[in-house]
Amino acid sequence: MPNISPGSAKPPQSIGQSKGFVLLEVLVAMTLVATSWISLGNTYQKLVLGMGQVREKRVQIQKELDQHEIAQAEASKVRLPKEGVLNESIGMSRRIRPVPHLGRTIIKK
């Protein structure tokens, strides 16, 4: 019978007991890490795909806006200007108009 002193809090270790991790604990930890990695990868992939679709939609909208502005410019050239409206900026691209709150002109091409 082993000696157990009344003040000792630890029971004596048996011969087969080790102080390392059990294989099952390691496998559970690896499964958690792998699951997290896969879910983050899927989230990133969806985010990149969504950004690509938004970029394509933005390019399409920009093309339609450019076509509309070209049509407006051509329509304004056909009409004769009325008196006092000579400096009107009909057909001028909105992208090259001065922005009043910034106090400077922004030109994008």
Protein backbone atom coordinates (compact mmCIF):
# COMPACT_ATOMS: atom_id res chain seq x y z
CA MET A 1 0.00 0.00 0.00
CA PRO A 2 1.44 3.40 -0.98
CA ASN A 3 2.15 6.04 1.58
CA ILE A 4 -0.27 8.95 1.36
CA SER A 5 0.51 11.79 3.67
CA PRO A 6 -2.46 13.77 4.91
CA GLY A 7 -1.02 17.11 3.63
CA SER A 8 -0.35 16.04 0.03
CA ALA A 9 -2.96 17.21 -2.50
CA LYS A 10 -1.72 15.07 -5.41
CA PRO A 11 -2.42 11.39 -5.55
CA PRO A 12 0.58 9.28 -6.47
CA GLN A 13 0.99 8.71 -10.23
CA SER A 14 0.44 5.26 -11.57
CA ILE A 15 3.11 3.64 -13.70
CA GLY A 16 1.25 4.05 -17.08
CA GLN A 17 0.23 7.70 -16.63
CA SER A 18 2.13 10.34 -18.66
CA LYS A 19 2.27 14.13 -18.50
CA GLY A 20 1.76 14.78 -22.27
CA PHE A 21 -1.24 15.26 -24.54
CA VAL A 22 -3.43 12.35 -25.47
CA LEU A 23 -3.70 11.55 -29.18
CA LEU A 24 -7.42 12.26 -29.06
CA GLU A 25 -6.81 15.77 -27.70
CA VAL A 26 -4.35 16.51 -30.50
CA LEU A 27 -6.78 15.24 -33.14
CA VAL A 28 -9.60 17.38 -31.74
CA ALA A 29 -7.36 20.46 -31.73
CA MET A 30 -6.23 19.80 -35.32
CA THR A 31 -9.85 19.33 -36.41
CA LEU A 32 -10.82 22.67 -34.87
CA VAL A 33 -7.92 24.44 -36.58
CA ALA A 34 -8.66 22.81 -39.95
CA THR A 35 -12.37 23.65 -39.73
CA SER A 36 -11.58 27.27 -38.91
CA TRP A 37 -9.08 27.47 -41.76
CA ILE A 38 -11.58 26.08 -44.29
CA SER A 39 -14.39 28.37 -43.16
CA LEU A 40 -12.13 31.43 -43.36
CA GLY A 41 -11.02 30.36 -46.85
CA ASN A 42 -14.63 30.03 -48.00
CA THR A 43 -15.51 33.43 -46.54
CA TYR A 44 -12.53 35.04 -48.29
CA GLN A 45 -13.45 33.38 -51.59
CA LYS A 46 -17.05 34.67 -51.37
CA LEU A 47 -15.78 38.16 -50.53
CA VAL A 48 -13.41 38.25 -53.52
CA LEU A 49 -16.13 36.92 -55.83
CA GLY A 50 -18.57 39.56 -54.60
CA MET A 51 -16.01 42.32 -55.09
CA GLY A 52 -15.42 41.14 -58.66
CA GLN A 53 -19.15 41.21 -59.40
CA VAL A 54 -19.46 44.71 -57.93
CA ARG A 55 -16.50 45.88 -60.05
CA GLU A 56 -18.11 44.45 -63.22
CA LYS A 57 -21.42 46.13 -62.38
CA ARG A 58 -19.63 49.45 -61.76
CA VAL A 59 -17.87 49.23 -65.14
CA GLN A 60 -21.19 48.47 -66.85
CA ILE A 61 -22.91 51.42 -65.16
CA GLN A 62 -19.98 53.69 -66.12
CA LYS A 63 -20.26 52.60 -69.78
CA GLU A 64 -23.99 53.30 -69.78
CA LEU A 65 -23.39 56.70 -68.19
CA ASP A 66 -20.75 57.54 -70.80
CA GLN A 67 -23.14 56.56 -73.61
CA HIS A 68 -25.86 58.71 -72.08
CA GLU A 69 -23.50 61.68 -71.76
CA ILE A 70 -22.39 61.26 -75.39
CA ALA A 71 -26.03 61.18 -76.49
CA GLN A 72 -26.75 64.31 -74.44
CA ALA A 73 -23.73 66.08 -75.95
CA GLU A 74 -24.80 65.20 -79.47
CA ALA A 75 -28.36 66.30 -78.76
CA SER A 76 -27.17 69.65 -77.38
CA LYS A 77 -25.09 70.33 -80.51
CA VAL A 78 -28.14 69.89 -82.73
CA ARG A 79 -30.28 72.40 -80.83
CA LEU A 80 -29.70 76.09 -81.38
CA PRO A 81 -28.86 77.94 -78.18
CA LYS A 82 -31.39 80.45 -76.91
CA GLU A 83 -30.39 83.97 -76.05
CA GLY A 84 -28.63 84.24 -72.72
CA VAL A 85 -27.94 80.50 -72.55
CA LEU A 86 -24.66 80.51 -74.44
CA ASN A 87 -22.56 79.47 -71.44
CA GLU A 88 -24.83 76.61 -70.38
CA SER A 89 -22.95 73.37 -69.78
CA ILE A 90 -25.50 70.92 -71.18
CA GLY A 91 -23.71 67.81 -72.30
CA MET A 92 -20.59 68.54 -70.30
CA SER A 93 -19.45 65.45 -68.52
CA ARG A 94 -20.22 65.61 -64.81
CA ARG A 95 -16.77 64.22 -64.15
CA ILE A 96 -15.02 67.36 -65.35
CA ARG A 97 -17.23 69.91 -63.63
CA PRO A 98 -15.77 71.77 -60.66
CA VAL A 99 -16.87 70.46 -57.28
CA PRO A 100 -18.03 73.53 -55.30
CA HIS A 101 -17.37 72.21 -51.80
CA LEU A 102 -13.74 71.35 -52.59
CA GLY A 103 -12.90 74.60 -54.33
CA ARG A 104 -10.93 72.89 -57.09
CA THR A 105 -11.59 71.06 -60.33
CA ILE A 106 -11.20 67.28 -60.45
CA ILE A 107 -10.60 65.75 -63.86
CA LYS A 108 -10.95 61.96 -64.19
CA LYS A 109 -10.24 60.15 -67.41
